[in-house]
Amino acid sequence: MRSSFINQLERDEKLFKKSYYKDLTTNFKKVDVNVLLNKVKINKSVEKKRNIIFIASIFLGLNLTAYIIFS
Protein backbone atom coordinates (compact mmCIF):
# COMPACT_ATOMS: atom_id res chain seq x y z
CA MET A 1 0.00 0.00 0.00
CA ARG A 2 2.80 2.38 0.82
CA SER A 3 4.66 1.74 -2.42
CA SER A 4 1.55 2.38 -4.51
CA PHE A 5 1.07 5.70 -2.71
CA ILE A 6 4.71 6.65 -3.39
CA ASN A 7 4.39 5.62 -7.03
CA GLN A 8 1.28 7.74 -7.39
CA LEU A 9 3.09 10.73 -5.85
CA GLU A 10 6.02 10.30 -8.23
CA ARG A 11 3.70 10.18 -11.24
CA ASP A 12 1.83 13.24 -10.05
CA GLU A 13 5.09 15.07 -9.50
CA LYS A 14 6.30 14.23 -13.01
CA LEU A 15 3.02 15.42 -14.50
CA PHE A 16 3.16 18.61 -12.47
CA LYS A 17 6.72 19.34 -13.62
CA LYS A 18 5.83 18.74 -17.26
CA SER A 19 2.76 20.97 -17.10
CA TYR A 20 4.66 23.63 -15.14
CA TYR A 21 7.48 23.87 -17.67
CA LYS A 22 4.99 23.78 -20.53
CA ASP A 23 3.16 26.74 -19.00
CA LEU A 24 6.42 28.62 -18.58
CA THR A 25 7.31 28.25 -22.23
CA THR A 26 3.87 29.23 -23.54
CA ASN A 27 3.09 32.16 -21.23
CA PHE A 28 6.02 34.44 -21.99
CA LYS A 29 5.44 37.66 -23.88
CA LYS A 30 6.54 37.77 -27.47
CA VAL A 31 8.69 40.79 -28.20
CA ASP A 32 9.21 42.29 -31.62
CA VAL A 33 12.90 42.92 -32.20
CA ASN A 34 12.26 45.76 -34.63
CA VAL A 35 10.27 47.68 -32.04
CA LEU A 36 13.13 47.33 -29.54
CA LEU A 37 15.72 48.44 -32.10
CA ASN A 38 13.63 51.49 -33.01
CA LYS A 39 13.36 52.43 -29.34
CA VAL A 40 17.13 52.19 -29.01
CA LYS A 41 17.67 54.41 -32.07
CA ILE A 42 15.22 57.01 -30.77
CA ASN A 43 16.84 56.97 -27.33
CA LYS A 44 20.28 57.46 -28.87
CA SER A 45 19.13 60.45 -30.91
CA VAL A 46 17.44 62.03 -27.88
CA GLU A 47 20.61 61.49 -25.83
CA LYS A 48 22.74 63.16 -28.54
CA LYS A 49 20.42 66.18 -28.61
CA ARG A 50 20.60 66.49 -24.83
CA ASN A 51 24.39 66.30 -24.89
CA ILE A 52 24.66 68.96 -27.62
CA ILE A 53 22.34 71.30 -25.71
CA PHE A 54 24.28 70.70 -22.49
CA ILE A 55 27.64 71.40 -24.12
CA ALA A 56 26.30 74.51 -25.88
CA SER A 57 24.87 75.88 -22.64
CA ILE A 58 28.18 75.31 -20.83
CA PHE A 59 30.08 77.04 -23.63
CA LEU A 60 27.64 79.95 -23.63
CA GLY A 61 27.82 80.22 -19.84
CA LEU A 62 31.63 80.29 -19.86
CA ASN A 63 31.69 82.93 -22.58
CA LEU A 64 29.15 85.06 -20.76
CA THR A 65 31.07 84.73 -17.48
CA ALA A 66 34.37 85.62 -19.17
CA TYR A 67 32.75 88.64 -20.86
CA ILE A 68 31.34 89.89 -17.57
CA ILE A 69 34.64 89.39 -15.69
CA PHE A 70 36.95 90.92 -18.29
CA SER A 71 34.87 93.85 -19.41
PDB file of N, CA and C in Angstrom:
ATOM      1  N   MET A   1       0.817  -1.184   0.000  1.00  0.00           N
ATOM      2  CA  MET A   1       0.000   0.000   0.000  1.00  0.00           C
ATOM      3  C   MET A   1       0.866   1.255   0.000  1.00  0.00           C
ATOM      4  N   ARG A   2       1.919   1.227   0.751  1.00  0.00           N
ATOM      5  CA  ARG A   2       2.797   2.384   0.822  1.00  0.00           C
ATOM      6  C   ARG A   2       3.502   2.620  -0.501  1.00  0.00           C
ATOM      7  N   SER A   3       3.945   1.571  -1.156  1.00  0.00           N
ATOM      8  CA  SER A   3       4.657   1.739  -2.417  1.00  0.00           C
ATOM      9  C   SER A   3       3.734   2.264  -3.516  1.00  0.00           C
ATOM     10  N   SER A   4       2.479   1.861  -3.509  1.00  0.00           N
ATOM     11  CA  SER A   4       1.546   2.384  -4.511  1.00  0.00           C
ATOM     12  C   SER A   4       1.306   3.878  -4.291  1.00  0.00           C
ATOM     13  N   PHE A   5       1.248   4.280  -3.024  1.00  0.00           N
ATOM     14  CA  PHE A   5       1.074   5.699  -2.715  1.00  0.00           C
ATOM     15  C   PHE A   5       2.286   6.504  -3.194  1.00  0.00           C
ATOM     16  N   ILE A   6       3.483   5.972  -2.962  1.00  0.00           N
ATOM     17  CA  ILE A   6       4.710   6.646  -3.387  1.00  0.00           C
ATOM     18  C   ILE A   6       4.774   6.707  -4.916  1.00  0.00           C
ATOM     19  N   ASN A   7       4.407   5.632  -5.573  1.00  0.00           N
ATOM     20  CA  ASN A   7       4.395   5.622  -7.031  1.00  0.00           C
ATOM     21  C   ASN A   7       3.414   6.663  -7.578  1.00  0.00           C
ATOM     22  N   GLN A   8       2.270   6.756  -6.958  1.00  0.00           N
ATOM     23  CA  GLN A   8       1.278   7.745  -7.386  1.00  0.00           C
ATOM     24  C   GLN A   8       1.825   9.157  -7.202  1.00  0.00           C
ATOM     25  N   LEU A   9       2.495   9.403  -6.089  1.00  0.00           N
ATOM     26  CA  LEU A   9       3.086  10.727  -5.850  1.00  0.00           C
ATOM     27  C   LEU A   9       4.153  11.053  -6.893  1.00  0.00           C
ATOM     28  N   GLU A  10       4.979  10.080  -7.228  1.00  0.00           N
ATOM     29  CA  GLU A  10       6.024  10.301  -8.225  1.00  0.00           C
ATOM     30  C   GLU A  10       5.415  10.619  -9.575  1.00  0.00           C
ATOM     31  N   ARG A  11       4.359   9.911  -9.949  1.00  0.00           N
ATOM     32  CA  ARG A  11       3.699  10.180 -11.237  1.00  0.00           C
ATOM     33  C   ARG A  11       3.073  11.572 -11.239  1.00  0.00           C
ATOM     34  N   ASP A  12       2.431  11.907 -10.137  1.00  0.00           N
ATOM     35  CA  ASP A  12       1.827  13.236 -10.047  1.00  0.00           C
ATOM     36  C   ASP A  12       2.890  14.329 -10.123  1.00  0.00           C
ATOM     37  N   GLU A  13       4.011  14.095  -9.484  1.00  0.00           N
ATOM     38  CA  GLU A  13       5.093  15.072  -9.495  1.00  0.00           C
ATOM     39  C   GLU A  13       5.644  15.247 -10.909  1.00  0.00           C
ATOM     40  N   LYS A  14       5.807  14.153 -11.638  1.00  0.00           N
ATOM     41  CA  LYS A  14       6.297  14.232 -13.014  1.00  0.00           C
ATOM     42  C   LYS A  14       5.316  14.991 -13.892  1.00  0.00           C
ATOM     43  N   LEU A  15       4.028  14.716 -13.719  1.00  0.00           N
ATOM     44  CA  LEU A  15       3.017  15.423 -14.504  1.00  0.00           C
ATOM     45  C   LEU A  15       3.003  16.910 -14.172  1.00  0.00           C
ATOM     46  N   PHE A  16       3.149  17.219 -12.896  1.00  0.00           N
ATOM     47  CA  PHE A  16       3.164  18.612 -12.473  1.00  0.00           C
ATOM     48  C   PHE A  16       4.357  19.347 -13.084  1.00  0.00           C
ATOM     49  N   LYS A  17       5.532  18.710 -13.058  1.00  0.00           N
ATOM     50  CA  LYS A  17       6.717  19.342 -13.616  1.00  0.00           C
ATOM     51  C   LYS A  17       6.556  19.581 -15.109  1.00  0.00           C
ATOM     52  N   LYS A  18       6.019  18.585 -15.823  1.00  0.00           N
ATOM     53  CA  LYS A  18       5.833  18.744 -17.261  1.00  0.00           C
ATOM     54  C   LYS A  18       4.866  19.885 -17.561  1.00  0.00           C
ATOM     55  N   SER A  19       3.747  19.914 -16.840  1.00  0.00           N
ATOM     56  CA  SER A  19       2.764  20.969 -17.098  1.00  0.00           C
ATOM     57  C   SER A  19       3.313  22.332 -16.680  1.00  0.00           C
ATOM     58  N   TYR A  20       4.092  22.372 -15.605  1.00  0.00           N
ATOM     59  CA  TYR A  20       4.663  23.633 -15.141  1.00  0.00           C
ATOM     60  C   TYR A  20       5.618  24.201 -16.177  1.00  0.00           C
ATOM     61  N   TYR A  21       6.522  23.381 -16.680  1.00  0.00           N
ATOM     62  CA  TYR A  21       7.476  23.868 -17.670  1.00  0.00           C
ATOM     63  C   TYR A  21       6.791  24.187 -18.992  1.00  0.00           C
ATOM     64  N   LYS A  22       5.744  23.463 -19.315  1.00  0.00           N
ATOM     65  CA  LYS A  22       4.994  23.775 -20.528  1.00  0.00           C
ATOM     66  C   LYS A  22       4.342  25.152 -20.392  1.00  0.00           C
ATOM     67  N   ASP A  23       3.776  25.445 -19.228  1.00  0.00           N
ATOM     68  CA  ASP A  23       3.160  26.743 -18.999  1.00  0.00           C
ATOM     69  C   ASP A  23       4.190  27.858 -19.046  1.00  0.00           C
ATOM     70  N   LEU A  24       5.369  27.599 -18.548  1.00  0.00           N
ATOM     71  CA  LEU A  24       6.421  28.618 -18.580  1.00  0.00           C
ATOM     72  C   LEU A  24       6.797  28.976 -19.999  1.00  0.00           C
ATOM     73  N   THR A  25       6.881  27.987 -20.862  1.00  0.00           N
ATOM     74  CA  THR A  25       7.306  28.251 -22.231  1.00  0.00           C
ATOM     75  C   THR A  25       6.201  28.864 -23.067  1.00  0.00           C
ATOM     76  N   THR A  26       4.950  28.676 -22.719  1.00  0.00           N
ATOM     77  CA  THR A  26       3.872  29.230 -23.539  1.00  0.00           C
ATOM     78  C   THR A  26       3.365  30.568 -23.028  1.00  0.00           C
ATOM     79  N   ASN A  27       3.655  30.939 -21.795  1.00  0.00           N
ATOM     80  CA  ASN A  27       3.086  32.155 -21.228  1.00  0.00           C
ATOM     81  C   ASN A  27       4.004  33.373 -21.302  1.00  0.00           C
ATOM     82  N   PHE A  28       5.153  33.266 -21.947  1.00  0.00           N
ATOM     83  CA  PHE A  28       6.024  34.435 -21.993  1.00  0.00           C
ATOM     84  C   PHE A  28       5.540  35.388 -23.083  1.00  0.00           C
ATOM     85  N   LYS A  29       5.859  36.662 -22.909  1.00  0.00           N
ATOM     86  CA  LYS A  29       5.441  37.660 -23.883  1.00  0.00           C
ATOM     87  C   LYS A  29       6.350  37.606 -25.101  1.00  0.00           C
ATOM     88  N   LYS A  30       5.751  37.709 -26.252  1.00  0.00           N
ATOM     89  CA  LYS A  30       6.540  37.769 -27.471  1.00  0.00           C
ATOM     90  C   LYS A  30       6.922  39.227 -27.704  1.00  0.00           C
ATOM     91  N   VAL A  31       8.185  39.440 -28.029  1.00  0.00           N
ATOM     92  CA  VAL A  31       8.691  40.787 -28.200  1.00  0.00           C
ATOM     93  C   VAL A  31       9.175  40.935 -29.632  1.00  0.00           C
ATOM     94  N   ASP A  32       8.768  42.024 -30.262  1.00  0.00           N
ATOM     95  CA  ASP A  32       9.210  42.289 -31.623  1.00  0.00           C
ATOM     96  C   ASP A  32      10.564  42.983 -31.572  1.00  0.00           C
ATOM     97  N   VAL A  33      11.537  42.404 -32.245  1.00  0.00           N
ATOM     98  CA  VAL A  33      12.901  42.918 -32.198  1.00  0.00           C
ATOM     99  C   VAL A  33      12.981  44.287 -32.870  1.00  0.00           C
ATOM    100  N   ASN A  34      12.221  44.477 -33.934  1.00  0.00           N
ATOM    101  CA  ASN A  34      12.260  45.761 -34.633  1.00  0.00           C
ATOM    102  C   ASN A  34      11.774  46.906 -33.760  1.00  0.00           C
ATOM    103  N   VAL A  35      10.774  46.641 -32.948  1.00  0.00           N
ATOM    104  CA  VAL A  35      10.274  47.676 -32.038  1.00  0.00           C
ATOM    105  C   VAL A  35      11.356  48.050 -31.035  1.00  0.00           C
ATOM    106  N   LEU A  36      12.057  47.057 -30.499  1.00  0.00           N
ATOM    107  CA  LEU A  36      13.126  47.334 -29.540  1.00  0.00           C
ATOM    108  C   LEU A  36      14.273  48.106 -30.183  1.00  0.00           C
ATOM    109  N   LEU A  37      14.636  47.732 -31.407  1.00  0.00           N
ATOM    110  CA  LEU A  37      15.715  48.445 -32.097  1.00  0.00           C
ATOM    111  C   LEU A  37      15.326  49.885 -32.391  1.00  0.00           C
ATOM    112  N   ASN A  38      14.083  50.119 -32.764  1.00  0.00           N
ATOM    113  CA  ASN A  38      13.630  51.489 -33.015  1.00  0.00           C
ATOM    114  C   ASN A  38      13.656  52.314 -31.743  1.00  0.00           C
ATOM    115  N   LYS A  39      13.294  51.706 -30.613  1.00  0.00           N
ATOM    116  CA  LYS A  39      13.357  52.428 -29.344  1.00  0.00           C
ATOM    117  C   LYS A  39      14.788  52.812 -29.010  1.00  0.00           C
ATOM    118  N   VAL A  40      15.727  51.913 -29.283  1.00  0.00           N
ATOM    119  CA  VAL A  40      17.135  52.192 -29.007  1.00  0.00           C
ATOM    120  C   VAL A  40      17.625  53.334 -29.883  1.00  0.00           C
ATOM    121  N   LYS A  41      17.255  53.324 -31.166  1.00  0.00           N
ATOM    122  CA  LYS A  41      17.666  54.408 -32.068  1.00  0.00           C
ATOM    123  C   LYS A  41      17.107  55.743 -31.618  1.00  0.00           C
ATOM    124  N   ILE A  42      15.839  55.763 -31.227  1.00  0.00           N
ATOM    125  CA  ILE A  42      15.219  57.006 -30.773  1.00  0.00           C
ATOM    126  C   ILE A  42      15.891  57.496 -29.497  1.00  0.00           C
ATOM    127  N   ASN A  43      16.176  56.582 -28.579  1.00  0.00           N
ATOM    128  CA  ASN A  43      16.836  56.973 -27.331  1.00  0.00           C
ATOM    129  C   ASN A  43      18.230  57.525 -27.583  1.00  0.00           C
ATOM    130  N   LYS A  44      18.951  56.950 -28.555  1.00  0.00           N
ATOM    131  CA  LYS A  44      20.283  57.465 -28.874  1.00  0.00           C
ATOM    132  C   LYS A  44      20.206  58.872 -29.435  1.00  0.00           C
ATOM    133  N   SER A  45      19.234  59.121 -30.328  1.00  0.00           N
ATOM    134  CA  SER A  45      19.127  60.453 -30.911  1.00  0.00           C
ATOM    135  C   SER A  45      18.723  61.488 -29.863  1.00  0.00           C
ATOM    136  N   VAL A  46      17.848  61.112 -28.953  1.00  0.00           N
ATOM    137  CA  VAL A  46      17.444  62.028 -27.883  1.00  0.00           C
ATOM    138  C   VAL A  46      18.636  62.323 -26.973  1.00  0.00           C
ATOM    139  N   GLU A  47      19.430  61.306 -26.682  1.00  0.00           N
ATOM    140  CA  GLU A  47      20.610  61.493 -25.834  1.00  0.00           C
ATOM    141  C   GLU A  47      21.635  62.409 -26.513  1.00  0.00           C
ATOM    142  N   LYS A  48      21.819  62.277 -27.820  1.00  0.00           N
ATOM    143  CA  LYS A  48      22.744  63.158 -28.544  1.00  0.00           C
ATOM    144  C   LYS A  48      22.277  64.600 -28.486  1.00  0.00           C
ATOM    145  N   LYS A  49      20.958  64.814 -28.667  1.00  0.00           N
ATOM    146  CA  LYS A  49      20.424  66.176 -28.612  1.00  0.00           C
ATOM    147  C   LYS A  49      20.641  66.785 -27.228  1.00  0.00           C
ATOM    148  N   ARG A  50      20.395  65.990 -26.192  1.00  0.00           N
ATOM    149  CA  ARG A  50      20.599  66.494 -24.826  1.00  0.00           C
ATOM    150  C   ARG A  50      22.059  66.851 -24.588  1.00  0.00           C
ATOM    151  N   ASN A  51      22.973  66.027 -25.079  1.00  0.00           N
ATOM    152  CA  ASN A  51      24.394  66.302 -24.894  1.00  0.00           C
ATOM    153  C   ASN A  51      24.812  67.561 -25.634  1.00  0.00           C
ATOM    154  N   ILE A  52      24.314  67.759 -26.843  1.00  0.00           N
ATOM    155  CA  ILE A  52      24.660  68.958 -27.615  1.00  0.00           C
ATOM    156  C   ILE A  52      24.138  70.207 -26.912  1.00  0.00           C
ATOM    157  N   ILE A  53      22.905  70.149 -26.416  1.00  0.00           N
ATOM    158  CA  ILE A  53      22.337  71.302 -25.710  1.00  0.00           C
ATOM    159  C   ILE A  53      23.119  71.579 -24.426  1.00  0.00           C
ATOM    160  N   PHE A  54      23.510  70.538 -23.716  1.00  0.00           N
ATOM    161  CA  PHE A  54      24.278  70.703 -22.489  1.00  0.00           C
ATOM    162  C   PHE A  54      25.632  71.343 -22.772  1.00  0.00           C
ATOM    163  N   ILE A  55      26.332  70.860 -23.782  1.00  0.00           N
ATOM    164  CA  ILE A  55      27.644  71.402 -24.124  1.00  0.00           C
ATOM    165  C   ILE A  55      27.524  72.840 -24.603  1.00  0.00           C
ATOM    166  N   ALA A  56      26.504  73.143 -25.404  1.00  0.00           N
ATOM    167  CA  ALA A  56      26.303  74.509 -25.883  1.00  0.00           C
ATOM    168  C   ALA A  56      25.991  75.456 -24.733  1.00  0.00           C
ATOM    169  N   SER A  57      25.194  75.005 -23.768  1.00  0.00           N
ATOM    170  CA  SER A  57      24.873  75.880 -22.641  1.00  0.00           C
ATOM    171  C   SER A  57      26.103  76.118 -21.759  1.00  0.00           C
ATOM    172  N   ILE A  58      26.939  75.115 -21.603  1.00  0.00           N
ATOM    173  CA  ILE A  58      28.176  75.308 -20.834  1.00  0.00           C
ATOM    174  C   ILE A  58      29.091  76.300 -21.551  1.00  0.00           C
ATOM    175  N   PHE A  59      29.229  76.139 -22.846  1.00  0.00           N
ATOM    176  CA  PHE A  59      30.077  77.043 -23.630  1.00  0.00           C
ATOM    177  C   PHE A  59      29.542  78.477 -23.561  1.00  0.00           C
ATOM    178  N   LEU A  60      28.248  78.626 -23.704  1.00  0.00           N
ATOM    179  CA  LEU A  60      27.641  79.955 -23.626  1.00  0.00           C
ATOM    180  C   LEU A  60      27.815  80.548 -22.229  1.00  0.00           C
ATOM    181  N   GLY A  61      27.647  79.727 -21.202  1.00  0.00           N
ATOM    182  CA  GLY A  61      27.816  80.224 -19.836  1.00  0.00           C
ATOM    183  C   GLY A  61      29.243  80.653 -19.560  1.00  0.00           C
ATOM    184  N   LEU A  62      30.224  79.904 -20.042  1.00  0.00           N
ATOM    185  CA  LEU A  62      31.633  80.289 -19.862  1.00  0.00           C
ATOM    186  C   LEU A  62      31.946  81.580 -20.600  1.00  0.00           C
ATOM    187  N   ASN A  63      31.443  81.696 -21.825  1.00  0.00           N
ATOM    188  CA  ASN A  63      31.688  82.927 -22.578  1.00  0.00           C
ATOM    189  C   ASN A  63      31.052  84.127 -21.904  1.00  0.00           C
ATOM    190  N   LEU A  64      29.837  83.958 -21.430  1.00  0.00           N
ATOM    191  CA  LEU A  64      29.154  85.061 -20.756  1.00  0.00           C
ATOM    192  C   LEU A  64      29.877  85.451 -19.468  1.00  0.00           C
ATOM    193  N   THR A  65      30.330  84.467 -18.712  1.00  0.00           N
ATOM    194  CA  THR A  65      31.069  84.731 -17.478  1.00  0.00           C
ATOM    195  C   THR A  65      32.389  85.439 -17.782  1.00  0.00           C
ATOM    196  N   ALA A  66      33.104  84.984 -18.803  1.00  0.00           N
ATOM    197  CA  ALA A  66      34.369  85.621 -19.174  1.00  0.00           C
ATOM    198  C   ALA A  66      34.126  87.057 -19.652  1.00  0.00           C
ATOM    199  N   TYR A  67      33.054  87.289 -20.387  1.00  0.00           N
ATOM    200  CA  TYR A  67      32.751  88.644 -20.857  1.00  0.00           C
ATOM    201  C   TYR A  67      32.455  89.566 -19.691  1.00  0.00           C
ATOM    202  N   ILE A  68      31.683  89.057 -18.724  1.00  0.00           N
ATOM    203  CA  ILE A  68      31.339  89.886 -17.568  1.00  0.00           C
ATOM    204  C   ILE A  68      32.573  90.175 -16.722  1.00  0.00           C
ATOM    205  N   ILE A  69      33.459  89.204 -16.520  1.00  0.00           N
ATOM    206  CA  ILE A  69      34.636  89.395 -15.688  1.00  0.00           C
ATOM    207  C   ILE A  69      35.644  90.322 -16.339  1.00  0.00           C
ATOM    208  N   PHE A  70      35.891  90.161 -17.629  1.00  0.00           N
ATOM    209  CA  PHE A  70      36.955  90.917 -18.288  1.00  0.00           C
ATOM    210  C   PHE A  70      36.502  92.209 -18.930  1.00  0.00           C
ATOM    211  N   SER A  71      35.260  92.583 -18.808  1.00  0.00           N
ATOM    212  CA  SER A  71      34.872  93.853 -19.412  1.00  0.00           C
ATOM    213  C   SER A  71      34.657  94.944 -18.410  1.00  0.00           C
TER     214      SER A  71
END
